[in-house]
Amino acid sequence: MKIKWKQLAVCVAIPLAVGGLSAFLTKDAMESFPQLDQPPLSPPMWLFPVVWTVLYVLMGIGSYLVLNSQGRRGVGKGKALCVYALQLAFNFLWTIFFFNCGWYLFAFVWLVALWGLILWTFLLFRQRSHPAGWTLVPYLAWVAFAGYLNFGIYLLNK
């Protein structure tokens, strides 16, 4: 498969833009985050933007692979990309609920739903392109870890 560089750039730019907008909208609320009681294994603050940048790039690569996948049996690429867009919207809103609103328990429940949507996206992507599916595995793992952190923050800061 010949790489379509402009299309790849757009596919990677979309989740990076969503993440960037999310970070911009929550930047003031994130300043108080270090003052919260943190659960064990909480990483340093500098690690979050690094990990999210890598995850957004991987998401974009996965969406590019699905977009350019050939007609395999199973799910259509339109459905896979719609579920991908839905999970990206859930990802965006989680940040607002957690940081701006401080709704830690609601954000945890939302994050569980997000994890389910990521899993669904993984399954749909994998049906279209195995490599596309595997680009979402680190995202699934990180959001599971984020769930632990989110619930821990809820419990420690009630």
N, C-alpha and C. Protein backbone atom coordinates (compact mmCIF):
# COMPACT_ATOMS: atom_id res chain seq x y z
N MET A 1 0.85 -1.18 0.00
CA MET A 1 0.00 0.00 0.00
C MET A 1 0.89 1.24 0.00
N LYS A 2 0.66 2.11 -0.95
CA LYS A 2 1.39 3.37 -1.02
C LYS A 2 0.80 4.35 0.00
N ILE A 3 1.67 5.01 0.75
CA ILE A 3 1.21 5.93 1.78
C ILE A 3 0.71 7.22 1.14
N LYS A 4 -0.48 7.62 1.52
CA LYS A 4 -1.06 8.89 1.08
C LYS A 4 -0.77 9.90 2.20
N TRP A 5 0.32 10.63 2.05
CA TRP A 5 0.85 11.45 3.13
C TRP A 5 -0.11 12.54 3.59
N LYS A 6 -0.80 13.19 2.68
CA LYS A 6 -1.75 14.25 3.09
C LYS A 6 -2.89 13.65 3.91
N GLN A 7 -3.40 12.52 3.44
CA GLN A 7 -4.49 11.86 4.15
C GLN A 7 -4.02 11.39 5.53
N LEU A 8 -2.82 10.84 5.59
CA LEU A 8 -2.26 10.41 6.88
C LEU A 8 -2.11 11.61 7.81
N ALA A 9 -1.63 12.73 7.28
CA ALA A 9 -1.46 13.93 8.11
C ALA A 9 -2.80 14.40 8.66
N VAL A 10 -3.84 14.38 7.85
CA VAL A 10 -5.17 14.79 8.31
C VAL A 10 -5.68 13.82 9.38
N CYS A 11 -5.50 12.53 9.13
CA CYS A 11 -5.97 11.52 10.09
C CYS A 11 -5.27 11.66 11.44
N VAL A 12 -4.00 12.00 11.43
CA VAL A 12 -3.27 12.19 12.68
C VAL A 12 -3.62 13.54 13.31
N ALA A 13 -3.84 14.55 12.47
CA ALA A 13 -4.16 15.89 12.98
C ALA A 13 -5.50 15.93 13.70
N ILE A 14 -6.46 15.14 13.28
CA ILE A 14 -7.79 15.18 13.89
C ILE A 14 -7.74 14.83 15.38
N PRO A 15 -7.22 13.66 15.77
CA PRO A 15 -7.19 13.40 17.22
C PRO A 15 -6.24 14.34 17.97
N LEU A 16 -5.14 14.76 17.33
CA LEU A 16 -4.26 15.73 17.99
C LEU A 16 -4.98 17.05 18.23
N ALA A 17 -5.81 17.47 17.28
CA ALA A 17 -6.59 18.71 17.46
C ALA A 17 -7.62 18.56 18.57
N VAL A 18 -8.27 17.42 18.63
CA VAL A 18 -9.24 17.17 19.71
C VAL A 18 -8.53 17.22 21.06
N GLY A 19 -7.39 16.55 21.15
CA GLY A 19 -6.63 16.57 22.39
C GLY A 19 -6.10 17.96 22.72
N GLY A 20 -5.65 18.68 21.71
CA GLY A 20 -5.16 20.04 21.93
C GLY A 20 -6.24 20.98 22.41
N LEU A 21 -7.43 20.88 21.79
CA LEU A 21 -8.55 21.71 22.23
C LEU A 21 -8.95 21.36 23.66
N SER A 22 -8.98 20.07 23.94
CA SER A 22 -9.30 19.62 25.29
C SER A 22 -8.31 20.18 26.31
N ALA A 23 -7.03 20.11 25.99
CA ALA A 23 -6.00 20.63 26.89
C ALA A 23 -6.15 22.14 27.06
N PHE A 24 -6.44 22.84 25.97
CA PHE A 24 -6.62 24.29 26.03
C PHE A 24 -7.80 24.66 26.93
N LEU A 25 -8.91 23.94 26.79
CA LEU A 25 -10.11 24.26 27.56
C LEU A 25 -9.98 23.90 29.04
N THR A 26 -9.05 23.01 29.36
CA THR A 26 -8.92 22.58 30.75
C THR A 26 -7.64 23.08 31.41
N LYS A 27 -6.87 23.90 30.72
CA LYS A 27 -5.56 24.30 31.25
C LYS A 27 -5.65 24.99 32.61
N ASP A 28 -6.63 25.85 32.81
CA ASP A 28 -6.76 26.52 34.10
C ASP A 28 -7.16 25.55 35.20
N ALA A 29 -8.05 24.63 34.90
CA ALA A 29 -8.50 23.65 35.88
C ALA A 29 -7.40 22.65 36.23
N MET A 30 -6.50 22.40 35.30
CA MET A 30 -5.40 21.45 35.55
C MET A 30 -4.40 22.00 36.57
N GLU A 31 -4.37 23.30 36.75
CA GLU A 31 -3.43 23.90 37.71
C GLU A 31 -3.71 23.43 39.13
N SER A 32 -4.97 23.13 39.45
CA SER A 32 -5.30 22.66 40.80
C SER A 32 -5.16 21.14 40.94
N PHE A 33 -4.96 20.44 39.85
CA PHE A 33 -4.87 18.98 39.88
C PHE A 33 -3.77 18.47 40.83
N PRO A 34 -2.57 19.05 40.83
CA PRO A 34 -1.54 18.53 41.73
C PRO A 34 -1.90 18.65 43.22
N GLN A 35 -2.85 19.54 43.57
CA GLN A 35 -3.24 19.70 44.97
C GLN A 35 -4.19 18.59 45.43
N LEU A 36 -4.73 17.82 44.50
CA LEU A 36 -5.62 16.72 44.88
C LEU A 36 -4.81 15.59 45.48
N ASP A 37 -5.43 14.86 46.41
CA ASP A 37 -4.81 13.64 46.92
C ASP A 37 -4.79 12.63 45.77
N GLN A 38 -3.63 12.03 45.52
CA GLN A 38 -3.44 11.13 44.39
C GLN A 38 -3.32 9.69 44.88
N PRO A 39 -3.85 8.75 44.11
CA PRO A 39 -3.68 7.33 44.47
C PRO A 39 -2.24 6.88 44.22
N PRO A 40 -1.85 5.77 44.82
CA PRO A 40 -0.51 5.23 44.53
C PRO A 40 -0.35 4.98 43.03
N LEU A 41 0.87 5.05 42.55
CA LEU A 41 1.24 4.83 41.15
C LEU A 41 0.88 6.01 40.24
N SER A 42 0.47 7.13 40.83
CA SER A 42 0.17 8.31 40.00
C SER A 42 1.46 8.79 39.34
N PRO A 43 1.44 8.91 38.02
CA PRO A 43 2.66 9.36 37.33
C PRO A 43 2.86 10.87 37.51
N PRO A 44 4.06 11.35 37.20
CA PRO A 44 4.30 12.80 37.27
C PRO A 44 3.48 13.53 36.19
N MET A 45 3.16 14.77 36.45
CA MET A 45 2.30 15.55 35.55
C MET A 45 2.85 15.64 34.13
N TRP A 46 4.16 15.73 33.96
CA TRP A 46 4.74 15.89 32.63
C TRP A 46 4.48 14.68 31.73
N LEU A 47 4.20 13.52 32.34
CA LEU A 47 4.01 12.31 31.55
C LEU A 47 2.67 12.31 30.80
N PHE A 48 1.65 12.93 31.35
CA PHE A 48 0.33 12.89 30.73
C PHE A 48 0.31 13.45 29.30
N PRO A 49 0.81 14.66 29.05
CA PRO A 49 0.78 15.15 27.66
C PRO A 49 1.64 14.31 26.72
N VAL A 50 2.72 13.74 27.22
CA VAL A 50 3.57 12.90 26.38
C VAL A 50 2.80 11.65 25.95
N VAL A 51 2.20 10.98 26.92
CA VAL A 51 1.45 9.75 26.62
C VAL A 51 0.27 10.05 25.71
N TRP A 52 -0.48 11.10 26.02
CA TRP A 52 -1.65 11.41 25.19
C TRP A 52 -1.26 11.77 23.77
N THR A 53 -0.15 12.45 23.60
CA THR A 53 0.30 12.77 22.23
C THR A 53 0.58 11.49 21.46
N VAL A 54 1.29 10.56 22.07
CA VAL A 54 1.58 9.28 21.42
C VAL A 54 0.27 8.54 21.10
N LEU A 55 -0.64 8.52 22.05
CA LEU A 55 -1.91 7.81 21.83
C LEU A 55 -2.72 8.45 20.70
N TYR A 56 -2.76 9.78 20.65
CA TYR A 56 -3.50 10.45 19.58
C TYR A 56 -2.87 10.18 18.22
N VAL A 57 -1.55 10.15 18.16
CA VAL A 57 -0.88 9.83 16.89
C VAL A 57 -1.23 8.40 16.47
N LEU A 58 -1.18 7.46 17.43
CA LEU A 58 -1.54 6.08 17.10
C LEU A 58 -2.99 5.96 16.64
N MET A 59 -3.90 6.69 17.30
CA MET A 59 -5.30 6.69 16.87
C MET A 59 -5.42 7.18 15.43
N GLY A 60 -4.72 8.25 15.13
CA GLY A 60 -4.76 8.80 13.78
C GLY A 60 -4.23 7.82 12.75
N ILE A 61 -3.14 7.14 13.07
CA ILE A 61 -2.58 6.13 12.16
C ILE A 61 -3.59 5.00 11.97
N GLY A 62 -4.21 4.57 13.05
CA GLY A 62 -5.23 3.52 12.95
C GLY A 62 -6.39 3.93 12.07
N SER A 63 -6.86 5.17 12.24
CA SER A 63 -7.98 5.62 11.41
C SER A 63 -7.57 5.70 9.94
N TYR A 64 -6.33 6.10 9.69
CA TYR A 64 -5.81 6.13 8.31
C TYR A 64 -5.80 4.73 7.72
N LEU A 65 -5.35 3.75 8.49
CA LEU A 65 -5.31 2.37 8.00
C LEU A 65 -6.71 1.85 7.69
N VAL A 66 -7.67 2.20 8.52
CA VAL A 66 -9.06 1.78 8.27
C VAL A 66 -9.59 2.48 7.02
N LEU A 67 -9.35 3.76 6.93
CA LEU A 67 -9.83 4.54 5.79
C LEU A 67 -9.30 3.97 4.47
N ASN A 68 -8.10 3.45 4.49
CA ASN A 68 -7.48 2.93 3.28
C ASN A 68 -7.50 1.41 3.19
N SER A 69 -8.25 0.77 4.08
CA SER A 69 -8.32 -0.69 4.05
C SER A 69 -9.16 -1.14 2.86
N GLN A 70 -8.79 -2.27 2.34
CA GLN A 70 -9.53 -2.85 1.22
C GLN A 70 -10.76 -3.57 1.75
N GLY A 71 -11.71 -3.84 0.89
CA GLY A 71 -12.98 -4.44 1.27
C GLY A 71 -12.87 -5.84 1.82
N ARG A 72 -12.58 -5.96 3.11
CA ARG A 72 -12.60 -7.26 3.77
C ARG A 72 -14.02 -7.55 4.21
N ARG A 73 -14.27 -8.82 4.44
CA ARG A 73 -15.60 -9.18 4.97
C ARG A 73 -15.78 -8.58 6.35
N GLY A 74 -16.99 -8.38 6.71
CA GLY A 74 -17.27 -7.86 8.04
C GLY A 74 -17.75 -6.42 7.99
N VAL A 75 -17.34 -5.68 8.96
CA VAL A 75 -17.83 -4.32 9.17
C VAL A 75 -17.33 -3.37 8.07
N GLY A 76 -18.17 -2.41 7.74
CA GLY A 76 -17.77 -1.38 6.79
C GLY A 76 -16.90 -0.34 7.46
N LYS A 77 -16.06 0.31 6.68
CA LYS A 77 -15.17 1.31 7.24
C LYS A 77 -15.93 2.51 7.78
N GLY A 78 -17.11 2.81 7.19
CA GLY A 78 -17.91 3.93 7.69
C GLY A 78 -18.35 3.71 9.13
N LYS A 79 -18.79 2.50 9.44
CA LYS A 79 -19.21 2.20 10.82
C LYS A 79 -18.01 2.28 11.76
N ALA A 80 -16.89 1.70 11.35
CA ALA A 80 -15.70 1.73 12.19
C ALA A 80 -15.27 3.17 12.47
N LEU A 81 -15.31 4.02 11.46
CA LEU A 81 -14.89 5.41 11.64
C LEU A 81 -15.91 6.22 12.44
N CYS A 82 -17.19 5.87 12.35
CA CYS A 82 -18.21 6.55 13.16
C CYS A 82 -18.03 6.22 14.65
N VAL A 83 -17.79 4.96 14.95
CA VAL A 83 -17.56 4.57 16.35
C VAL A 83 -16.27 5.22 16.85
N TYR A 84 -15.26 5.28 16.00
CA TYR A 84 -14.01 5.96 16.33
C TYR A 84 -14.28 7.43 16.69
N ALA A 85 -15.09 8.11 15.87
CA ALA A 85 -15.42 9.52 16.13
C ALA A 85 -16.19 9.66 17.45
N LEU A 86 -17.09 8.71 17.72
CA LEU A 86 -17.86 8.74 18.97
C LEU A 86 -16.94 8.59 20.18
N GLN A 87 -16.00 7.64 20.11
CA GLN A 87 -15.10 7.49 21.26
C GLN A 87 -14.21 8.72 21.42
N LEU A 88 -13.85 9.35 20.31
CA LEU A 88 -13.04 10.56 20.39
C LEU A 88 -13.83 11.69 21.07
N ALA A 89 -15.13 11.78 20.78
CA ALA A 89 -15.98 12.76 21.45
C ALA A 89 -16.09 12.45 22.95
N PHE A 90 -16.25 11.18 23.29
CA PHE A 90 -16.30 10.80 24.70
C PHE A 90 -14.98 11.15 25.40
N ASN A 91 -13.88 10.92 24.72
CA ASN A 91 -12.56 11.25 25.25
C ASN A 91 -12.49 12.74 25.56
N PHE A 92 -12.90 13.56 24.61
CA PHE A 92 -12.90 15.01 24.77
C PHE A 92 -13.74 15.43 25.97
N LEU A 93 -14.95 14.89 26.07
CA LEU A 93 -15.86 15.30 27.14
C LEU A 93 -15.41 14.83 28.51
N TRP A 94 -14.74 13.67 28.57
CA TRP A 94 -14.24 13.21 29.86
C TRP A 94 -13.34 14.27 30.50
N THR A 95 -12.47 14.84 29.70
CA THR A 95 -11.53 15.84 30.21
C THR A 95 -12.28 17.02 30.82
N ILE A 96 -13.33 17.46 30.16
CA ILE A 96 -14.14 18.58 30.66
C ILE A 96 -14.82 18.18 31.98
N PHE A 97 -15.44 17.00 31.99
CA PHE A 97 -16.15 16.55 33.20
C PHE A 97 -15.19 16.41 34.38
N PHE A 98 -14.02 15.84 34.12
CA PHE A 98 -13.09 15.59 35.21
C PHE A 98 -12.42 16.87 35.69
N PHE A 99 -11.79 17.60 34.79
CA PHE A 99 -10.99 18.76 35.18
C PHE A 99 -11.83 20.01 35.41
N ASN A 100 -12.66 20.38 34.46
CA ASN A 100 -13.40 21.65 34.58
C ASN A 100 -14.54 21.55 35.58
N CYS A 101 -15.27 20.45 35.53
CA CYS A 101 -16.44 20.32 36.40
C CYS A 101 -16.11 19.70 37.76
N GLY A 102 -15.03 18.91 37.83
CA GLY A 102 -14.69 18.23 39.08
C GLY A 102 -15.67 17.14 39.44
N TRP A 103 -16.34 16.59 38.45
CA TRP A 103 -17.32 15.53 38.67
C TRP A 103 -16.60 14.18 38.61
N TYR A 104 -15.85 13.86 39.64
CA TYR A 104 -14.95 12.71 39.59
C TYR A 104 -15.68 11.37 39.46
N LEU A 105 -16.77 11.19 40.18
CA LEU A 105 -17.50 9.92 40.05
C LEU A 105 -18.18 9.82 38.68
N PHE A 106 -18.83 10.89 38.25
CA PHE A 106 -19.45 10.90 36.93
C PHE A 106 -18.40 10.67 35.84
N ALA A 107 -17.26 11.33 36.00
CA ALA A 107 -16.17 11.17 35.02
C ALA A 107 -15.69 9.73 34.99
N PHE A 108 -15.66 9.06 36.14
CA PHE A 108 -15.25 7.65 36.17
C PHE A 108 -16.24 6.79 35.39
N VAL A 109 -17.52 7.00 35.62
CA VAL A 109 -18.55 6.24 34.89
C VAL A 109 -18.43 6.52 33.39
N TRP A 110 -18.22 7.78 33.05
CA TRP A 110 -18.03 8.18 31.64
C TRP A 110 -16.80 7.48 31.05
N LEU A 111 -15.74 7.39 31.86
CA LEU A 111 -14.51 6.74 31.41
C LEU A 111 -14.71 5.25 31.17
N VAL A 112 -15.53 4.63 31.99
CA VAL A 112 -15.86 3.21 31.76
C VAL A 112 -16.58 3.06 30.41
N ALA A 113 -17.51 3.98 30.14
CA ALA A 113 -18.20 3.96 28.84
C ALA A 113 -17.21 4.22 27.71
N LEU A 114 -16.29 5.16 27.92
CA LEU A 114 -15.26 5.44 26.93
C LEU A 114 -14.43 4.19 26.66
N TRP A 115 -14.03 3.47 27.70
CA TRP A 115 -13.23 2.26 27.53
C TRP A 115 -14.00 1.25 26.68
N GLY A 116 -15.31 1.12 26.95
CA GLY A 116 -16.13 0.22 26.14
C GLY A 116 -16.17 0.65 24.67
N LEU A 117 -16.27 1.94 24.43
CA LEU A 117 -16.25 2.45 23.06
C LEU A 117 -14.90 2.22 22.39
N ILE A 118 -13.83 2.36 23.15
CA ILE A 118 -12.50 2.10 22.59
C ILE A 118 -12.37 0.62 22.23
N LEU A 119 -12.87 -0.24 23.10
CA LEU A 119 -12.84 -1.68 22.81
C LEU A 119 -13.64 -1.98 21.55
N TRP A 120 -14.81 -1.38 21.42
CA TRP A 120 -15.64 -1.57 20.23
C TRP A 120 -14.89 -1.08 18.99
N THR A 121 -14.26 0.09 19.11
CA THR A 121 -13.48 0.64 18.01
C THR A 121 -12.33 -0.31 17.64
N PHE A 122 -11.65 -0.82 18.65
CA PHE A 122 -10.57 -1.79 18.42
C PHE A 122 -11.08 -2.98 17.62
N LEU A 123 -12.23 -3.54 18.03
CA LEU A 123 -12.77 -4.72 17.34
C LEU A 123 -13.15 -4.39 15.90
N LEU A 124 -13.76 -3.22 15.70
CA LEU A 124 -14.14 -2.82 14.34
C LEU A 124 -12.91 -2.53 13.48
N PHE A 125 -11.94 -1.82 14.05
CA PHE A 125 -10.71 -1.53 13.32
C PHE A 125 -10.01 -2.83 12.93
N ARG A 126 -9.93 -3.75 13.88
CA ARG A 126 -9.23 -5.02 13.63
C ARG A 126 -9.89 -5.82 12.52
N GLN A 127 -11.22 -5.71 12.42
CA GLN A 127 -11.91 -6.41 11.32
C GLN A 127 -11.52 -5.82 9.97
N ARG A 128 -11.27 -4.54 9.92
CA ARG A 128 -10.88 -3.89 8.67
C ARG A 128 -9.38 -4.05 8.39
N SER A 129 -8.57 -3.95 9.44
CA SER A 129 -7.12 -3.99 9.30
C SER A 129 -6.52 -4.38 10.65
N HIS A 130 -5.86 -5.52 10.70
CA HIS A 130 -5.28 -5.95 11.98
C HIS A 130 -4.32 -4.90 12.55
N PRO A 131 -3.42 -4.33 11.75
CA PRO A 131 -2.54 -3.29 12.32
C PRO A 131 -3.32 -2.10 12.88
N ALA A 132 -4.42 -1.73 12.23
CA ALA A 132 -5.23 -0.61 12.73
C ALA A 132 -5.77 -0.92 14.12
N GLY A 133 -6.23 -2.14 14.30
CA GLY A 133 -6.73 -2.53 15.62
C GLY A 133 -5.65 -2.44 16.69
N TRP A 134 -4.47 -2.91 16.34
CA TRP A 134 -3.39 -2.93 17.33
C TRP A 134 -2.90 -1.54 17.70
N THR A 135 -3.16 -0.54 16.88
CA THR A 135 -2.77 0.82 17.26
C THR A 135 -3.56 1.32 18.47
N LEU A 136 -4.68 0.67 18.77
CA LEU A 136 -5.53 1.10 19.88
C LEU A 136 -5.25 0.37 21.19
N VAL A 137 -4.41 -0.66 21.16
CA VAL A 137 -4.13 -1.42 22.38
C VAL A 137 -3.49 -0.55 23.47
N PRO A 138 -2.49 0.28 23.15
CA PRO A 138 -1.95 1.15 24.21
C PRO A 138 -3.00 2.11 24.78
N TYR A 139 -3.89 2.57 23.93
CA TYR A 139 -4.98 3.46 24.35
C TYR A 139 -5.90 2.73 25.33
N LEU A 140 -6.26 1.50 25.02
CA LEU A 140 -7.09 0.71 25.94
C LEU A 140 -6.40 0.56 27.29
N ALA A 141 -5.11 0.25 27.27
CA ALA A 141 -4.36 0.07 28.51
C ALA A 141 -4.28 1.38 29.30
N TRP A 142 -4.00 2.48 28.62
CA TRP A 142 -3.86 3.76 29.31
C TRP A 142 -5.19 4.21 29.91
N VAL A 143 -6.29 4.02 29.19
CA VAL A 143 -7.59 4.44 29.72
C VAL A 143 -8.00 3.55 30.89
N ALA A 144 -7.61 2.28 30.88
CA ALA A 144 -7.85 1.42 32.05
C ALA A 144 -7.08 1.98 33.26
N PHE A 145 -5.82 2.35 33.04
CA PHE A 145 -5.02 2.95 34.10
C PHE A 145 -5.62 4.29 34.54
N ALA A 146 -6.09 5.08 33.58
CA ALA A 146 -6.74 6.35 33.90
C ALA A 146 -7.99 6.12 34.75
N GLY A 147 -8.69 5.02 34.49
CA GLY A 147 -9.85 4.67 35.31
C GLY A 147 -9.46 4.44 36.76
N TYR A 148 -8.35 3.73 36.95
CA TYR A 148 -7.83 3.51 38.31
C TYR A 148 -7.52 4.87 38.96
N LEU A 149 -6.82 5.73 38.23
CA LEU A 149 -6.47 7.05 38.78
C LEU A 149 -7.71 7.87 39.07
N ASN A 150 -8.65 7.89 38.13
CA ASN A 150 -9.88 8.66 38.27
C ASN A 150 -10.66 8.20 39.51
N PHE A 151 -10.85 6.89 39.65
CA PHE A 151 -11.61 6.38 40.79
C PHE A 151 -10.86 6.63 42.10
N GLY A 152 -9.55 6.48 42.06
CA GLY A 152 -8.76 6.78 43.25
C GLY A 152 -8.88 8.23 43.67
N ILE A 153 -8.85 9.13 42.71
CA ILE A 153 -9.00 10.56 43.02
C ILE A 153 -10.40 10.82 43.59
N TYR A 154 -11.40 10.17 43.03
CA TYR A 154 -12.75 10.30 43.58
C TYR A 154 -12.78 9.87 45.05
N LEU A 155 -12.24 8.69 45.33
CA LEU A 155 -12.30 8.17 46.69
C LEU A 155 -11.49 9.03 47.67
N LEU A 156 -10.35 9.51 47.24
CA LEU A 156 -9.46 10.25 48.13
C LEU A 156 -9.85 11.72 48.31
N ASN A 157 -10.74 12.22 47.48
CA ASN A 157 -11.07 13.66 47.51
C ASN A 157 -12.56 13.92 47.65
N LYS A 158 -13.31 12.99 48.21
CA LYS A 158 -14.76 13.16 48.38
C LYS A 158 -15.04 14.29 49.35
